[in-house]
Amino acid sequence: MGKEENQQAYILIGVYQQLWKKKYGKVVVVNRYKRKWDLLDVVETIGYERAKQVLEYYFTCNKPGHPLEWFLSNFDKLDVILLNSVEDENLRKELRRKTKLLVEQELNEQ
C-alpha cells in the first residue's frame, strides 16, 4: 500500500465527515487511523473514484445515522445497487426517447 492509497483513504474519511456534517449539522468524530485501514480495503476492491461515488450515494439512502461501520460492511451491495440504478435510468431514457419518436411518427402520419 503506497502513499497515494493512504491519501485516498484519508480523503474518503474527509468526504464522509463532510457528508455527515451536511446531513446532520454536526461534526462526526472518526478514528482516522483505524478507518484508514478499512477504507484502504474499499479502495482496493472498487477503486477510489467508485468508492467516493458509492459513499455519496450512501448519504442519499434512508439509513438512520449513516454509520461508517455499516457502509464498510455493505459498500459492495451499495455499489451493485448504484450500478443497477444507473443502468435502469439509462434504459428508461432510451425507452422515453423511442416512445417520443413513435408518437411523433404517428402524429405525422395522420
Protein backbone atom coordinates (compact mmCIF):
# COMPACT_ATOMS: atom_id res chain seq x y z
CA MET A 1 0.00 0.00 0.00
CA GLY A 2 1.54 3.16 -1.18
CA LYS A 3 1.36 6.74 -0.15
CA GLU A 4 -1.30 7.52 -2.74
CA GLU A 5 -3.67 4.86 -1.43
CA ASN A 6 -3.21 6.15 2.13
CA GLN A 7 -4.05 9.67 0.96
CA GLN A 8 -7.13 8.38 -0.85
CA ALA A 9 -8.33 6.64 2.31
CA TYR A 10 -7.88 9.83 4.33
CA ILE A 11 -9.68 11.83 1.64
CA LEU A 12 -12.61 9.39 1.83
CA ILE A 13 -12.72 9.88 5.60
CA GLY A 14 -12.90 13.62 4.98
CA VAL A 15 -15.66 13.14 2.40
CA TYR A 16 -17.61 11.02 4.90
CA GLN A 17 -17.23 13.69 7.58
CA GLN A 18 -18.35 16.45 5.18
CA LEU A 19 -21.38 14.48 4.02
CA TRP A 20 -22.29 13.65 7.62
CA LYS A 21 -21.99 17.29 8.70
CA LYS A 22 -24.09 18.42 5.73
CA LYS A 23 -26.79 15.85 6.53
CA TYR A 24 -26.91 16.17 10.32
CA GLY A 25 -25.42 19.61 11.02
CA LYS A 26 -22.83 18.25 13.45
CA VAL A 27 -19.24 17.13 13.23
CA VAL A 28 -18.76 13.37 13.49
CA VAL A 29 -15.67 12.03 15.23
CA VAL A 30 -13.87 9.29 13.32
CA ASN A 31 -10.82 7.30 14.39
CA ARG A 32 -8.88 8.21 11.26
CA TYR A 33 -6.09 5.69 11.79
CA LYS A 34 -8.41 2.74 12.31
CA ARG A 35 -10.79 3.68 9.48
CA LYS A 36 -7.89 4.31 7.10
CA TRP A 37 -7.25 0.57 7.01
CA ASP A 38 -10.92 -0.21 6.44
CA LEU A 39 -11.20 2.31 3.63
CA LEU A 40 -8.00 1.03 2.03
CA ASP A 41 -9.82 -2.28 1.59
CA VAL A 42 -12.73 -0.44 -0.04
CA VAL A 43 -10.36 1.41 -2.40
CA GLU A 44 -8.59 -1.84 -3.30
CA THR A 45 -11.91 -3.54 -4.01
CA ILE A 46 -13.77 -0.96 -6.08
CA GLY A 47 -11.26 1.84 -6.68
CA TYR A 48 -11.06 5.35 -5.26
CA GLU A 49 -13.44 7.15 -7.65
CA ARG A 50 -16.07 4.44 -7.36
CA ALA A 51 -15.69 4.37 -3.56
CA LYS A 52 -16.33 8.11 -3.47
CA GLN A 53 -19.43 7.74 -5.66
CA VAL A 54 -20.78 4.91 -3.50
CA LEU A 55 -20.11 6.91 -0.34
CA GLU A 56 -22.03 9.88 -1.78
CA TYR A 57 -24.84 7.54 -2.81
CA TYR A 58 -24.93 6.11 0.73
CA PHE A 59 -25.97 9.52 2.05
CA THR A 60 -28.92 9.66 -0.35
CA CYS A 61 -30.27 6.45 1.22
CA ASN A 62 -32.60 6.43 4.22
CA LYS A 63 -30.17 4.87 6.69
CA PRO A 64 -30.57 6.48 10.14
CA GLY A 65 -27.29 7.93 11.36
CA HIS A 66 -25.33 6.73 8.32
CA PRO A 67 -22.79 4.81 10.42
CA LEU A 68 -19.42 4.33 8.77
CA GLU A 69 -19.29 0.76 10.06
CA TRP A 70 -22.47 -0.08 8.12
CA PHE A 71 -21.01 1.44 4.97
CA LEU A 72 -17.81 -0.56 5.38
CA SER A 73 -19.77 -3.78 5.78
CA ASN A 74 -22.15 -3.13 2.88
CA PHE A 75 -20.28 -0.98 0.34
CA ASP A 76 -20.25 -3.85 -2.16
CA LYS A 77 -24.04 -4.16 -2.02
CA LEU A 78 -24.41 -0.39 -2.35
CA ASP A 79 -22.12 -0.50 -5.38
CA VAL A 80 -24.36 -3.08 -7.09
CA ILE A 81 -27.49 -1.09 -6.25
CA LEU A 82 -25.92 2.08 -7.64
CA LEU A 83 -24.86 0.31 -10.85
CA ASN A 84 -28.36 -1.12 -11.28
CA SER A 85 -30.00 2.26 -10.72
CA VAL A 86 -27.73 3.92 -13.31
CA GLU A 87 -28.47 1.15 -15.84
CA ASP A 88 -32.18 1.44 -15.09
CA GLU A 89 -32.10 5.21 -15.60
CA ASN A 90 -30.30 4.82 -18.93
CA LEU A 91 -32.82 2.20 -20.05
CA ARG A 92 -35.72 4.48 -19.08
CA LYS A 93 -34.19 7.40 -21.01
CA GLU A 94 -33.88 5.22 -24.09
CA LEU A 95 -37.48 3.98 -23.76
CA ARG A 96 -38.73 7.57 -23.39
CA ARG A 97 -36.78 8.59 -26.49
CA LYS A 98 -38.20 5.69 -28.53
CA THR A 99 -41.72 6.38 -27.31
CA LYS A 100 -41.40 10.03 -28.27
CA LEU A 101 -40.24 9.05 -31.77
CA LEU A 102 -43.16 6.63 -32.17
CA VAL A 103 -45.66 9.25 -31.06
CA GLU A 104 -44.17 11.81 -33.46
CA GLN A 105 -44.33 9.31 -36.31
CA GLU A 106 -47.98 8.56 -35.54
CA LEU A 107 -48.83 12.24 -35.44
CA ASN A 108 -47.03 12.88 -38.74
CA GLU A 109 -48.91 10.04 -40.47
CA GLN A 110 -52.30 11.45 -39.51
